[in-house]
Each structure stands twice: as structure tokens, then as C-alpha cells.
Protein backbone atom coordinates (compact mmCIF):
# COMPACT_ATOMS: atom_id res chain seq x y z
CA MET A 1 -43.07 -54.53 -116.06
CA GLU A 2 -39.98 -53.59 -118.12
CA LYS A 3 -38.74 -51.16 -115.43
CA VAL A 4 -38.89 -54.04 -112.82
CA VAL A 5 -37.08 -56.46 -115.24
CA ASP A 6 -34.50 -53.72 -116.03
CA CYS A 7 -33.74 -53.12 -112.17
CA LEU A 8 -33.34 -56.84 -111.72
CA GLU A 9 -31.03 -57.27 -114.48
CA ASN A 10 -28.97 -54.07 -113.49
CA ALA A 11 -28.87 -55.21 -109.74
CA TYR A 12 -27.88 -58.59 -111.01
CA GLN A 13 -24.88 -57.40 -113.03
CA GLU A 14 -23.75 -54.95 -110.34
CA PHE A 15 -23.87 -58.11 -107.83
CA VAL A 16 -21.83 -60.20 -110.22
CA ASP A 17 -19.26 -57.45 -110.81
CA ALA A 18 -18.99 -56.85 -107.09
CA ALA A 19 -18.25 -60.39 -106.64
CA ALA A 20 -15.35 -60.49 -109.20
CA ALA A 21 -14.02 -57.18 -107.68
CA VAL A 22 -13.82 -59.13 -104.30
CA LEU A 23 -12.02 -62.28 -106.04
CA GLU A 24 -9.74 -59.98 -107.75
CA THR A 25 -8.83 -57.79 -104.64
CA LYS A 26 -8.43 -61.11 -102.68
CA ALA A 27 -6.04 -62.24 -105.37
CA SER A 28 -4.14 -59.39 -105.55
CA SER A 29 -3.43 -59.25 -102.04
CA ASP A 30 -2.21 -62.67 -101.70
CA CYS A 31 -5.47 -63.69 -99.69
CA GLU A 32 -4.65 -61.26 -96.91
CA ARG A 33 -7.09 -59.05 -95.22
CA THR A 34 -6.51 -55.43 -96.21
CA ALA A 35 -8.36 -52.23 -96.37
CA ALA A 36 -9.08 -52.83 -100.24
CA THR A 37 -10.46 -56.39 -99.51
CA ASP A 38 -12.61 -54.86 -96.73
CA THR A 39 -13.97 -52.28 -99.28
CA ALA A 40 -14.70 -54.80 -101.77
CA LEU A 41 -16.56 -56.97 -99.30
CA GLU A 42 -18.65 -53.99 -97.98
CA ASN A 43 -19.45 -53.13 -101.76
CA PHE A 44 -20.43 -56.71 -102.24
CA LYS A 45 -22.69 -56.80 -99.26
CA LYS A 46 -24.44 -53.68 -100.44
CA LYS A 47 -24.80 -54.97 -104.15
CA TRP A 48 -26.21 -58.20 -102.51
CA GLU A 49 -28.74 -56.19 -100.54
CA THR A 50 -29.72 -54.23 -103.63
CA PHE A 51 -30.05 -57.66 -105.72
CA LYS A 52 -32.30 -59.03 -102.88
CA ALA A 53 -34.52 -56.15 -102.95
CA ALA A 54 -34.85 -56.13 -106.79
CA CYS A 55 -35.72 -59.98 -106.33
CA ASP A 56 -38.65 -58.84 -103.90
CA GLN A 57 -39.89 -56.28 -106.29
CA ALA A 58 -39.92 -58.70 -109.28
CA GLN A 59 -41.68 -61.28 -106.96
CA GLU A 60 -44.29 -58.63 -105.85
CA LEU A 61 -44.84 -58.15 -109.75
CA VAL A 62 -45.27 -61.62 -110.20
CA ASP A 63 -47.84 -62.03 -107.25
CA SER A 64 -49.72 -59.05 -108.66
CA VAL A 65 -49.95 -60.56 -111.97
CA LYS A 66 -51.19 -64.01 -110.48
CA GLN A 67 -53.79 -62.12 -108.58
CA ARG A 68 -54.97 -60.22 -111.55
CA ILE A 69 -55.20 -63.51 -113.56
CA THR A 70 -57.06 -65.24 -110.95
CA ALA A 71 -59.39 -62.34 -110.20
CA ASN A 72 -60.25 -61.52 -113.88
CA THR A 73 -61.26 -65.08 -114.90
CA THR A 74 -64.64 -66.42 -114.87
CA PHE A 75 -63.80 -70.01 -115.35
CA PRO A 76 -61.75 -72.29 -113.07
CA VAL A 77 -58.09 -71.59 -113.10
CA ASN A 78 -55.59 -74.31 -112.84
CA GLU A 79 -53.32 -73.33 -110.14
CA ASP A 80 -50.57 -75.59 -111.69
CA ILE A 81 -50.28 -73.29 -114.39
CA ILE A 82 -50.38 -70.03 -112.19
CA ASP A 83 -47.68 -71.91 -109.82
CA ILE A 84 -45.04 -71.71 -112.80
CA PHE A 85 -44.67 -68.15 -111.89
CA ASP A 86 -43.33 -68.88 -108.66
CA HIS A 87 -40.45 -70.69 -109.92
CA SER A 88 -39.40 -67.75 -112.17
CA ILE A 89 -37.40 -65.89 -109.31
CA VAL A 90 -34.44 -67.45 -107.57
CA ASP A 91 -34.41 -66.90 -103.89
CA PHE A 92 -30.83 -67.18 -102.59
CA ASP A 93 -32.28 -67.27 -98.82
CA ASP A 94 -33.52 -70.79 -99.07
């Protein structure tokens, strides 16, 4: 689980850094399109895709844990408690 969290954290930080690089590059070029801004935007897109993949991996972990919790209990499980896991991952596509 730590590996998934670390991967998500690293992907998020790289995504934020790439966003900052786009803004800095755009500002330094007086908001004109240049090779540098295109490169920064392409890098941003790649980091966004990596971040989305890390989020998907974290969601798979959460789903797996939910499955184990509900499968290993001999008493009724309150689904509202389990559903709190669904709100722990941000989905930027919604």
C-alpha cells in the first residue's frame, strides 16, 4: 500500500511541477506560442496521464481493500462506512 501512496504522491508532485512550468514558460514568452511552450505543454500532458494512471492504481487498491473487508466479515457490513473509501480519490474527469 505504501508503494501505491508513494507513486500517487510522486505523480501528483510531477503534475503540479509540470503545470508550474507551463505557466512560467508561457509568462516568459509573453503568452506567445513557442517551441518551449509546446514542449512544456506536452510534458504537462504526459504528467497528467501519469497522474491519472496513479489515481486509477490507487482506486484499484481501495476497491481491493473494500472487497476484502466485505468478504472477510461474518456480520452485516454497513455499506455507508465502506463508501467513505470512494470519496478518498479525486477524479478530475467528472
